PDB file of N, CA and C in Angstrom:
ATOM      1  N   MET A   1     -26.089  67.885  18.765  1.00  0.00           N
ATOM      2  CA  MET A   1     -27.485  68.212  18.576  1.00  0.00           C
ATOM      3  C   MET A   1     -28.306  67.797  19.786  1.00  0.00           C
ATOM      4  N   GLY A   2     -28.055  66.607  20.273  1.00  0.00           N
ATOM      5  CA  GLY A   2     -28.801  66.118  21.415  1.00  0.00           C
ATOM      6  C   GLY A   2     -28.530  66.916  22.677  1.00  0.00           C
ATOM      7  N   THR A   3     -27.281  67.292  22.880  1.00  0.00           N
ATOM      8  CA  THR A   3     -26.942  68.076  24.060  1.00  0.00           C
ATOM      9  C   THR A   3     -27.604  69.439  24.030  1.00  0.00           C
ATOM     10  N   VAL A   4     -27.643  70.055  22.868  1.00  0.00           N
ATOM     11  CA  VAL A   4     -28.295  71.367  22.742  1.00  0.00           C
ATOM     12  C   VAL A   4     -29.778  71.252  23.070  1.00  0.00           C
ATOM     13  N   LEU A   5     -30.450  70.268  22.486  1.00  0.00           N
ATOM     14  CA  LEU A   5     -31.873  70.084  22.768  1.00  0.00           C
ATOM     15  C   LEU A   5     -32.113  69.766  24.241  1.00  0.00           C
ATOM     16  N   GLY A   6     -31.299  68.914  24.813  1.00  0.00           N
ATOM     17  CA  GLY A   6     -31.465  68.538  26.211  1.00  0.00           C
ATOM     18  C   GLY A   6     -31.248  69.696  27.168  1.00  0.00           C
ATOM     19  N   THR A   7     -30.251  70.541  26.886  1.00  0.00           N
ATOM     20  CA  THR A   7     -30.007  71.676  27.775  1.00  0.00           C
ATOM     21  C   THR A   7     -31.120  72.702  27.683  1.00  0.00           C
ATOM     22  N   VAL A   8     -31.589  72.979  26.484  1.00  0.00           N
ATOM     23  CA  VAL A   8     -32.642  73.985  26.327  1.00  0.00           C
ATOM     24  C   VAL A   8     -33.957  73.517  26.942  1.00  0.00           C
ATOM     25  N   ILE A   9     -34.380  72.303  26.617  1.00  0.00           N
ATOM     26  CA  ILE A   9     -35.641  71.780  27.162  1.00  0.00           C
ATOM     27  C   ILE A   9     -35.514  71.598  28.677  1.00  0.00           C
ATOM     28  N   GLY A  10     -34.377  71.131  29.150  1.00  0.00           N
ATOM     29  CA  GLY A  10     -34.169  70.956  30.585  1.00  0.00           C
ATOM     30  C   GLY A  10     -34.203  72.273  31.343  1.00  0.00           C
ATOM     31  N   ALA A  11     -33.566  73.302  30.799  1.00  0.00           N
ATOM     32  CA  ALA A  11     -33.565  74.605  31.469  1.00  0.00           C
ATOM     33  C   ALA A  11     -34.957  75.231  31.467  1.00  0.00           C
ATOM     34  N   ILE A  12     -35.679  75.097  30.359  1.00  0.00           N
ATOM     35  CA  ILE A  12     -37.045  75.634  30.302  1.00  0.00           C
ATOM     36  C   ILE A  12     -37.943  74.906  31.299  1.00  0.00           C
ATOM     37  N   ALA A  13     -37.867  73.584  31.307  1.00  0.00           N
ATOM     38  CA  ALA A  13     -38.711  72.794  32.210  1.00  0.00           C
ATOM     39  C   ALA A  13     -38.376  73.081  33.669  1.00  0.00           C
ATOM     40  N   ALA A  14     -37.086  73.161  33.996  1.00  0.00           N
ATOM     41  CA  ALA A  14     -36.693  73.416  35.381  1.00  0.00           C
ATOM     42  C   ALA A  14     -37.053  74.831  35.824  1.00  0.00           C
ATOM     43  N   THR A  15     -36.991  75.780  34.906  1.00  0.00           N
ATOM     44  CA  THR A  15     -37.318  77.164  35.245  1.00  0.00           C
ATOM     45  C   THR A  15     -38.797  77.331  35.528  1.00  0.00           C
ATOM     46  N   TYR A  16     -39.637  76.785  34.673  1.00  0.00           N
ATOM     47  CA  TYR A  16     -41.069  77.032  34.783  1.00  0.00           C
ATOM     48  C   TYR A  16     -41.836  75.979  35.578  1.00  0.00           C
ATOM     49  N   PHE A  17     -41.330  74.743  35.645  1.00  0.00           N
ATOM     50  CA  PHE A  17     -42.091  73.674  36.277  1.00  0.00           C
ATOM     51  C   PHE A  17     -41.358  72.976  37.423  1.00  0.00           C
ATOM     52  N   GLY A  18     -40.063  73.194  37.581  1.00  0.00           N
ATOM     53  CA  GLY A  18     -39.304  72.568  38.654  1.00  0.00           C
ATOM     54  C   GLY A  18     -38.944  71.120  38.347  1.00  0.00           C
ATOM     55  N   SER A  19     -38.447  70.442  39.366  1.00  0.00           N
ATOM     56  CA  SER A  19     -38.055  69.037  39.225  1.00  0.00           C
ATOM     57  C   SER A  19     -39.235  68.147  39.604  1.00  0.00           C
ATOM     58  N   ASN A  20     -39.826  67.545  38.617  1.00  0.00           N
ATOM     59  CA  ASN A  20     -41.004  66.710  38.808  1.00  0.00           C
ATOM     60  C   ASN A  20     -40.917  65.575  37.796  1.00  0.00           C
ATOM     61  N   VAL A  21     -41.274  64.375  38.206  1.00  0.00           N
ATOM     62  CA  VAL A  21     -41.160  63.225  37.316  1.00  0.00           C
ATOM     63  C   VAL A  21     -42.114  63.347  36.120  1.00  0.00           C
ATOM     64  N   LEU A  22     -43.290  63.937  36.306  1.00  0.00           N
ATOM     65  CA  LEU A  22     -44.218  64.121  35.182  1.00  0.00           C
ATOM     66  C   LEU A  22     -43.682  65.135  34.175  1.00  0.00           C
ATOM     67  N   VAL A  23     -43.071  66.182  34.687  1.00  0.00           N
ATOM     68  CA  VAL A  23     -42.470  67.185  33.795  1.00  0.00           C
ATOM     69  C   VAL A  23     -41.283  66.579  33.063  1.00  0.00           C
ATOM     70  N   PHE A  24     -40.526  65.743  33.753  1.00  0.00           N
ATOM     71  CA  PHE A  24     -39.404  65.056  33.108  1.00  0.00           C
ATOM     72  C   PHE A  24     -39.894  64.153  31.984  1.00  0.00           C
ATOM     73  N   GLY A  25     -40.949  63.389  32.238  1.00  0.00           N
ATOM     74  CA  GLY A  25     -41.519  62.521  31.203  1.00  0.00           C
ATOM     75  C   GLY A  25     -42.018  63.315  30.008  1.00  0.00           C
ATOM     76  N   ALA A  26     -42.676  64.450  30.281  1.00  0.00           N
ATOM     77  CA  ALA A  26     -43.133  65.313  29.184  1.00  0.00           C
ATOM     78  C   ALA A  26     -41.938  65.870  28.412  1.00  0.00           C
ATOM     79  N   GLY A  27     -40.858  66.194  29.128  1.00  0.00           N
ATOM     80  CA  GLY A  27     -39.655  66.693  28.465  1.00  0.00           C
ATOM     81  C   GLY A  27     -39.027  65.657  27.551  1.00  0.00           C
ATOM     82  N   VAL A  28     -38.996  64.401  27.993  1.00  0.00           N
ATOM     83  CA  VAL A  28     -38.456  63.321  27.158  1.00  0.00           C
ATOM     84  C   VAL A  28     -39.329  63.139  25.913  1.00  0.00           C
ATOM     85  N   PHE A  29     -40.644  63.230  26.094  1.00  0.00           N
ATOM     86  CA  PHE A  29     -41.557  63.120  24.953  1.00  0.00           C
ATOM     87  C   PHE A  29     -41.323  64.258  23.960  1.00  0.00           C
ATOM     88  N   ILE A  30     -41.188  65.480  24.472  1.00  0.00           N
ATOM     89  CA  ILE A  30     -40.937  66.637  23.603  1.00  0.00           C
ATOM     90  C   ILE A  30     -39.590  66.484  22.893  1.00  0.00           C
ATOM     91  N   LEU A  31     -38.595  65.972  23.599  1.00  0.00           N
ATOM     92  CA  LEU A  31     -37.298  65.723  22.954  1.00  0.00           C
ATOM     93  C   LEU A  31     -37.424  64.717  21.819  1.00  0.00           C
ATOM     94  N   GLY A  32     -38.261  63.709  22.006  1.00  0.00           N
ATOM     95  CA  GLY A  32     -38.492  62.740  20.933  1.00  0.00           C
ATOM     96  C   GLY A  32     -39.105  63.387  19.712  1.00  0.00           C
ATOM     97  N   LEU A  33     -40.070  64.262  19.947  1.00  0.00           N
ATOM     98  CA  LEU A  33     -40.690  64.965  18.819  1.00  0.00           C
ATOM     99  C   LEU A  33     -39.702  65.885  18.109  1.00  0.00           C
ATOM    100  N   LEU A  34     -38.915  66.622  18.897  1.00  0.00           N
ATOM    101  CA  LEU A  34     -37.933  67.540  18.301  1.00  0.00           C
ATOM    102  C   LEU A  34     -36.824  66.778  17.577  1.00  0.00           C
ATOM    103  N   SER A  35     -36.396  65.659  18.136  1.00  0.00           N
ATOM    104  CA  SER A  35     -35.367  64.850  17.478  1.00  0.00           C
ATOM    105  C   SER A  35     -35.875  64.283  16.155  1.00  0.00           C
ATOM    106  N   ALA A  36     -37.131  63.857  16.138  1.00  0.00           N
ATOM    107  CA  ALA A  36     -37.717  63.348  14.894  1.00  0.00           C
ATOM    108  C   ALA A  36     -37.857  64.462  13.869  1.00  0.00           C
ATOM    109  N   ALA A  37     -38.250  65.652  14.328  1.00  0.00           N
ATOM    110  CA  ALA A  37     -38.398  66.785  13.410  1.00  0.00           C
ATOM    111  C   ALA A  37     -37.048  67.231  12.845  1.00  0.00           C
ATOM    112  N   ALA A  38     -35.993  67.091  13.646  1.00  0.00           N
ATOM    113  CA  ALA A  38     -34.652  67.485  13.201  1.00  0.00           C
ATOM    114  C   ALA A  38     -33.949  66.375  12.433  1.00  0.00           C
ATOM    115  N   HIS A  39     -34.606  65.215  12.281  1.00  0.00           N
ATOM    116  CA  HIS A  39     -34.044  64.059  11.581  1.00  0.00           C
ATOM    117  C   HIS A  39     -32.713  63.624  12.190  1.00  0.00           C
ATOM    118  N   SER A  40     -32.624  63.675  13.521  1.00  0.00           N
ATOM    119  CA  SER A  40     -31.406  63.225  14.192  1.00  0.00           C
ATOM    120  C   SER A  40     -31.527  61.734  14.509  1.00  0.00           C
ATOM    121  N   ASN A  41     -30.397  61.117  14.759  1.00  0.00           N
ATOM    122  CA  ASN A  41     -30.415  59.676  15.005  1.00  0.00           C
ATOM    123  C   ASN A  41     -30.702  59.372  16.479  1.00  0.00           C
ATOM    124  N   ARG A  42     -30.741  58.101  16.802  1.00  0.00           N
ATOM    125  CA  ARG A  42     -31.083  57.683  18.165  1.00  0.00           C
ATOM    126  C   ARG A  42     -30.051  58.111  19.186  1.00  0.00           C
ATOM    127  N   ASN A  43     -28.794  58.179  18.781  1.00  0.00           N
ATOM    128  CA  ASN A  43     -27.760  58.604  19.719  1.00  0.00           C
ATOM    129  C   ASN A  43     -27.980  60.041  20.167  1.00  0.00           C
ATOM    130  N   ALA A  44     -28.367  60.901  19.257  1.00  0.00           N
ATOM    131  CA  ALA A  44     -28.644  62.295  19.624  1.00  0.00           C
ATOM    132  C   ALA A  44     -29.813  62.362  20.597  1.00  0.00           C
ATOM    133  N   TYR A  45     -30.836  61.554  20.357  1.00  0.00           N
ATOM    134  CA  TYR A  45     -31.988  61.507  21.263  1.00  0.00           C
ATOM    135  C   TYR A  45     -31.573  60.977  22.634  1.00  0.00           C
ATOM    136  N   ARG A  46     -30.706  59.993  22.645  1.00  0.00           N
ATOM    137  CA  ARG A  46     -30.203  59.424  23.895  1.00  0.00           C
ATOM    138  C   ARG A  46     -29.413  60.471  24.681  1.00  0.00           C
ATOM    139  N   PHE A  47     -28.524  61.194  24.018  1.00  0.00           N
ATOM    140  CA  PHE A  47     -27.754  62.236  24.690  1.00  0.00           C
ATOM    141  C   PHE A  47     -28.651  63.376  25.161  1.00  0.00           C
ATOM    142  N   ALA A  48     -29.687  63.671  24.396  1.00  0.00           N
ATOM    143  CA  ALA A  48     -30.635  64.713  24.804  1.00  0.00           C
ATOM    144  C   ALA A  48     -31.347  64.308  26.087  1.00  0.00           C
ATOM    145  N   GLY A  49     -31.745  63.055  26.184  1.00  0.00           N
ATOM    146  CA  GLY A  49     -32.412  62.573  27.389  1.00  0.00           C
ATOM    147  C   GLY A  49     -31.507  62.581  28.605  1.00  0.00           C
ATOM    148  N   VAL A  50     -30.259  62.188  28.425  1.00  0.00           N
ATOM    149  CA  VAL A  50     -29.300  62.213  29.529  1.00  0.00           C
ATOM    150  C   VAL A  50     -29.063  63.642  29.990  1.00  0.00           C
ATOM    151  N   THR A  51     -28.890  64.547  29.047  1.00  0.00           N
ATOM    152  CA  THR A  51     -28.660  65.944  29.393  1.00  0.00           C
ATOM    153  C   THR A  51     -29.884  66.542  30.071  1.00  0.00           C
ATOM    154  N   LEU A  52     -31.074  66.205  29.587  1.00  0.00           N
ATOM    155  CA  LEU A  52     -32.303  66.669  30.228  1.00  0.00           C
ATOM    156  C   LEU A  52     -32.354  66.194  31.678  1.00  0.00           C
ATOM    157  N   ALA A  53     -32.029  64.942  31.913  1.00  0.00           N
ATOM    158  CA  ALA A  53     -32.046  64.403  33.276  1.00  0.00           C
ATOM    159  C   ALA A  53     -31.048  65.128  34.170  1.00  0.00           C
ATOM    160  N   ILE A  54     -29.869  65.391  33.662  1.00  0.00           N
ATOM    161  CA  ILE A  54     -28.846  66.066  34.459  1.00  0.00           C
ATOM    162  C   ILE A  54     -29.261  67.496  34.767  1.00  0.00           C
ATOM    163  N   VAL A  55     -29.745  68.208  33.775  1.00  0.00           N
ATOM    164  CA  VAL A  55     -30.105  69.620  33.972  1.00  0.00           C
ATOM    165  C   VAL A  55     -31.343  69.754  34.845  1.00  0.00           C
ATOM    166  N   GLN A  56     -32.322  68.917  34.629  1.00  0.00           N
ATOM    167  CA  GLN A  56     -33.585  69.094  35.333  1.00  0.00           C
ATOM    168  C   GLN A  56     -33.613  68.435  36.712  1.00  0.00           C
ATOM    169  N   LEU A  57     -33.019  67.286  36.880  1.00  0.00           N
ATOM    170  CA  LEU A  57     -33.193  66.523  38.100  1.00  0.00           C
ATOM    171  C   LEU A  57     -32.069  66.672  39.119  1.00  0.00           C
ATOM    172  N   VAL A  58     -30.900  67.141  38.716  1.00  0.00           N
ATOM    173  CA  VAL A  58     -29.805  67.313  39.662  1.00  0.00           C
ATOM    174  C   VAL A  58     -30.012  68.627  40.416  1.00  0.00           C
ATOM    175  N   PRO A  59     -30.096  68.575  41.741  1.00  0.00           N
ATOM    176  CA  PRO A  59     -30.305  69.814  42.494  1.00  0.00           C
ATOM    177  C   PRO A  59     -29.061  70.700  42.449  1.00  0.00           C
ATOM    178  N   TRP A  60     -29.301  71.987  42.202  1.00  0.00           N
ATOM    179  CA  TRP A  60     -28.198  72.920  42.151  1.00  0.00           C
ATOM    180  C   TRP A  60     -28.633  74.250  42.731  1.00  0.00           C
ATOM    181  N   ALA A  61     -27.717  74.941  43.408  1.00  0.00           N
ATOM    182  CA  ALA A  61     -28.026  76.237  44.026  1.00  0.00           C
ATOM    183  C   ALA A  61     -27.744  77.354  43.030  1.00  0.00           C
ATOM    184  N   GLY A  62     -28.543  77.451  42.021  1.00  0.00           N
ATOM    185  CA  GLY A  62     -28.400  78.492  41.017  1.00  0.00           C
ATOM    186  C   GLY A  62     -29.546  78.393  40.038  1.00  0.00           C
ATOM    187  N   THR A  63     -29.498  79.212  39.016  1.00  0.00           N
ATOM    188  CA  THR A  63     -30.564  79.160  38.015  1.00  0.00           C
ATOM    189  C   THR A  63     -30.355  77.959  37.101  1.00  0.00           C
ATOM    190  N   PRO A  64     -31.423  77.375  36.607  1.00  0.00           N
ATOM    191  CA  PRO A  64     -31.276  76.238  35.681  1.00  0.00           C
ATOM    192  C   PRO A  64     -30.525  76.605  34.405  1.00  0.00           C
ATOM    193  N   TRP A  65     -30.660  77.840  33.945  1.00  0.00           N
ATOM    194  CA  TRP A  65     -29.966  78.245  32.719  1.00  0.00           C
ATOM    195  C   TRP A  65     -28.457  78.261  32.914  1.00  0.00           C
ATOM    196  N   TYR A  66     -28.023  78.668  34.093  1.00  0.00           N
ATOM    197  CA  TYR A  66     -26.598  78.680  34.397  1.00  0.00           C
ATOM    198  C   TYR A  66     -26.048  77.259  34.419  1.00  0.00           C
ATOM    199  N   PHE A  67     -26.778  76.348  35.050  1.00  0.00           N
ATOM    200  CA  PHE A  67     -26.374  74.946  35.101  1.00  0.00           C
ATOM    201  C   PHE A  67     -26.391  74.321  33.706  1.00  0.00           C
ATOM    202  N   ALA A  68     -27.399  74.656  32.899  1.00  0.00           N
ATOM    203  CA  ALA A  68     -27.485  74.140  31.531  1.00  0.00           C
ATOM    204  C   ALA A  68     -26.298  74.623  30.693  1.00  0.00           C
ATOM    205  N   LEU A  69     -25.921  75.887  30.874  1.00  0.00           N
ATOM    206  CA  LEU A  69     -24.768  76.420  30.152  1.00  0.00           C
ATOM    207  C   LEU A  69     -23.490  75.690  30.561  1.00  0.00           C
ATOM    208  N   HIS A  70     -23.354  75.408  31.854  1.00  0.00           N
ATOM    209  CA  HIS A  70     -22.190  74.654  32.314  1.00  0.00           C
ATOM    210  C   HIS A  70     -22.157  73.263  31.690  1.00  0.00           C
ATOM    211  N   ARG A  71     -23.284  72.589  31.661  1.00  0.00           N
ATOM    212  CA  ARG A  71     -23.343  71.240  31.091  1.00  0.00           C
ATOM    213  C   ARG A  71     -22.998  71.277  29.602  1.00  0.00           C
ATOM    214  N   PHE A  72     -23.544  72.243  28.886  1.00  0.00           N
ATOM    215  CA  PHE A  72     -23.253  72.376  27.458  1.00  0.00           C
ATOM    216  C   PHE A  72     -21.764  72.634  27.236  1.00  0.00           C
ATOM    217  N   THR A  73     -21.177  73.496  28.064  1.00  0.00           N
ATOM    218  CA  THR A  73     -19.753  73.805  27.940  1.00  0.00           C
ATOM    219  C   THR A  73     -18.898  72.576  28.223  1.00  0.00           C
ATOM    220  N   GLU A  74     -19.264  71.802  29.243  1.00  0.00           N
ATOM    221  CA  GLU A  74     -18.518  70.586  29.562  1.00  0.00           C
ATOM    222  C   GLU A  74     -18.535  69.603  28.398  1.00  0.00           C
ATOM    223  N   VAL A  75     -19.683  69.444  27.773  1.00  0.00           N
ATOM    224  CA  VAL A  75     -19.791  68.511  26.643  1.00  0.00           C
ATOM    225  C   VAL A  75     -18.973  69.025  25.460  1.00  0.00           C
ATOM    226  N   CYS A  76     -19.020  70.318  25.200  1.00  0.00           N
ATOM    227  CA  CYS A  76     -18.237  70.884  24.089  1.00  0.00           C
ATOM    228  C   CYS A  76     -16.737  70.720  24.324  1.00  0.00           C
ATOM    229  N   ILE A  77     -16.289  70.898  25.552  1.00  0.00           N
ATOM    230  CA  ILE A  77     -14.876  70.687  25.863  1.00  0.00           C
ATOM    231  C   ILE A  77     -14.509  69.218  25.643  1.00  0.00           C
ATOM    232  N   GLY A  78     -15.366  68.316  26.066  1.00  0.00           N
ATOM    233  CA  GLY A  78     -15.112  66.892  25.854  1.00  0.00           C
ATOM    234  C   GLY A  78     -15.033  66.524  24.384  1.00  0.00           C
ATOM    235  N   ILE A  79     -15.932  67.084  23.580  1.00  0.00           N
ATOM    236  CA  ILE A  79     -15.897  66.820  22.140  1.00  0.00           C
ATOM    237  C   ILE A  79     -14.619  67.378  21.520  1.00  0.00           C
ATOM    238  N   GLY A  80     -14.244  68.585  21.929  1.00  0.00           N
ATOM    239  CA  GLY A  80     -13.017  69.197  21.419  1.00  0.00           C
ATOM    240  C   GLY A  80     -11.783  68.383  21.775  1.00  0.00           C
ATOM    241  N   MET A  81     -11.717  67.896  23.011  1.00  0.00           N
ATOM    242  CA  MET A  81     -10.571  67.080  23.419  1.00  0.00           C
ATOM    243  C   MET A  81     -10.533  65.761  22.656  1.00  0.00           C
ATOM    244  N   ALA A  82     -11.694  65.171  22.415  1.00  0.00           N
ATOM    245  CA  ALA A  82     -11.733  63.917  21.652  1.00  0.00           C
ATOM    246  C   ALA A  82     -11.236  64.143  20.222  1.00  0.00           C
ATOM    247  N   LEU A  83     -11.615  65.265  19.629  1.00  0.00           N
ATOM    248  CA  LEU A  83     -11.138  65.566  18.276  1.00  0.00           C
ATOM    249  C   LEU A  83      -9.632  65.801  18.249  1.00  0.00           C
ATOM    250  N   ILE A  84      -9.121  66.508  19.247  1.00  0.00           N
ATOM    251  CA  ILE A  84      -7.678  66.756  19.315  1.00  0.00           C
ATOM    252  C   ILE A  84      -6.927  65.436  19.471  1.00  0.00           C
ATOM    253  N   PHE A  85      -7.387  64.568  20.371  1.00  0.00           N
ATOM    254  CA  PHE A  85      -6.714  63.286  20.567  1.00  0.00           C
ATOM    255  C   PHE A  85      -6.813  62.390  19.343  1.00  0.00           C
ATOM    256  N   SER A  86      -7.896  62.477  18.590  1.00  0.00           N
ATOM    257  CA  SER A  86      -7.999  61.648  17.391  1.00  0.00           C
ATOM    258  C   SER A  86      -7.029  62.094  16.307  1.00  0.00           C
ATOM    259  N   VAL A  87      -6.640  63.370  16.327  1.00  0.00           N
ATOM    260  CA  VAL A  87      -5.653  63.863  15.367  1.00  0.00           C
ATOM    261  C   VAL A  87      -4.241  63.561  15.862  1.00  0.00           C
ATOM    262  N   VAL A  88      -3.990  63.817  17.138  1.00  0.00           N
ATOM    263  CA  VAL A  88      -2.652  63.627  17.707  1.00  0.00           C
ATOM    264  C   VAL A  88      -2.303  62.143  17.836  1.00  0.00           C
ATOM    265  N   TRP A  89      -3.270  61.329  18.197  1.00  0.00           N
ATOM    266  CA  TRP A  89      -3.034  59.919  18.464  1.00  0.00           C
ATOM    267  C   TRP A  89      -4.012  59.092  17.639  1.00  0.00           C
ATOM    268  N   PRO A  90      -3.799  59.003  16.311  1.00  0.00           N
ATOM    269  CA  PRO A  90      -4.766  58.292  15.458  1.00  0.00           C
ATOM    270  C   PRO A  90      -4.743  56.793  15.707  1.00  0.00           C
ATOM    271  N   GLU A  91      -5.851  56.180  15.389  1.00  0.00           N
ATOM    272  CA  GLU A  91      -5.964  54.724  15.541  1.00  0.00           C
ATOM    273  C   GLU A  91      -5.125  54.053  14.458  1.00  0.00           C
ATOM    274  N   GLN A  92      -4.343  53.059  14.871  1.00  0.00           N
ATOM    275  CA  GLN A  92      -3.481  52.359  13.934  1.00  0.00           C
ATOM    276  C   GLN A  92      -4.259  51.244  13.254  1.00  0.00           C
ATOM    277  N   GLU A  93      -4.063  51.110  11.968  1.00  0.00           N
ATOM    278  CA  GLU A  93      -4.703  50.027  11.230  1.00  0.00           C
ATOM    279  C   GLU A  93      -3.898  48.752  11.433  1.00  0.00           C
ATOM    280  N   GLU A  94      -4.617  47.665  11.596  1.00  0.00           N
ATOM    281  CA  GLU A  94      -3.950  46.382  11.755  1.00  0.00           C
ATOM    282  C   GLU A  94      -3.516  45.868  10.384  1.00  0.00           C
ATOM    283  N   THR A  95      -2.321  45.345  10.339  1.00  0.00           N
ATOM    284  CA  THR A  95      -1.838  44.747   9.108  1.00  0.00           C
ATOM    285  C   THR A  95      -1.829  43.231   9.278  1.00  0.00           C
ATOM    286  N   VAL A  96      -2.335  42.574   8.291  1.00  0.00           N
ATOM    287  CA  VAL A  96      -2.399  41.113   8.327  1.00  0.00           C
ATOM    288  C   VAL A  96      -1.342  40.586   7.375  1.00  0.00           C
ATOM    289  N   SER A  97      -0.460  39.775   7.913  1.00  0.00           N
ATOM    290  CA  SER A  97       0.576  39.197   7.055  1.00  0.00           C
ATOM    291  C   SER A  97       0.051  37.908   6.460  1.00  0.00           C
ATOM    292  N   LYS A  98       0.318  37.748   5.198  1.00  0.00           N
ATOM    293  CA  LYS A  98      -0.139  36.559   4.497  1.00  0.00           C
ATOM    294  C   LYS A  98       1.006  35.546   4.461  1.00  0.00           C
ATOM    295  N   THR A  99       0.717  34.382   4.970  1.00  0.00           N
ATOM    296  CA  THR A  99       1.698  33.298   4.906  1.00  0.00           C
ATOM    297  C   THR A  99       1.073  32.163   4.124  1.00  0.00           C
ATOM    298  N   THR A 100       1.763  31.719   3.125  1.00  0.00           N
ATOM    299  CA  THR A 100       1.246  30.615   2.300  1.00  0.00           C
ATOM    300  C   THR A 100       2.115  29.416   2.391  1.00  0.00           C
TER     301      THR A 100
END
């Protein structure tokens, strides 16, 4: 949820206003409002802010929407790989032996 909000707000801000610290601050504020409206937790808001910073402030020779799509795709691949590894290599539960 946070990555989606961050990519969309970042691409819109970078397209219409460019890379500016005031626009970035306004984007973080808007992300806070949208995160509260979507009832998402703080982690989603944190990821949205990181994604906004990457999309809006990292210089790239292309359109902001193209860069935002790349960032969204990278995060989705990472989430997919984490899910695959959690199934293939599950966390082992610790067993405690009782000695009396």
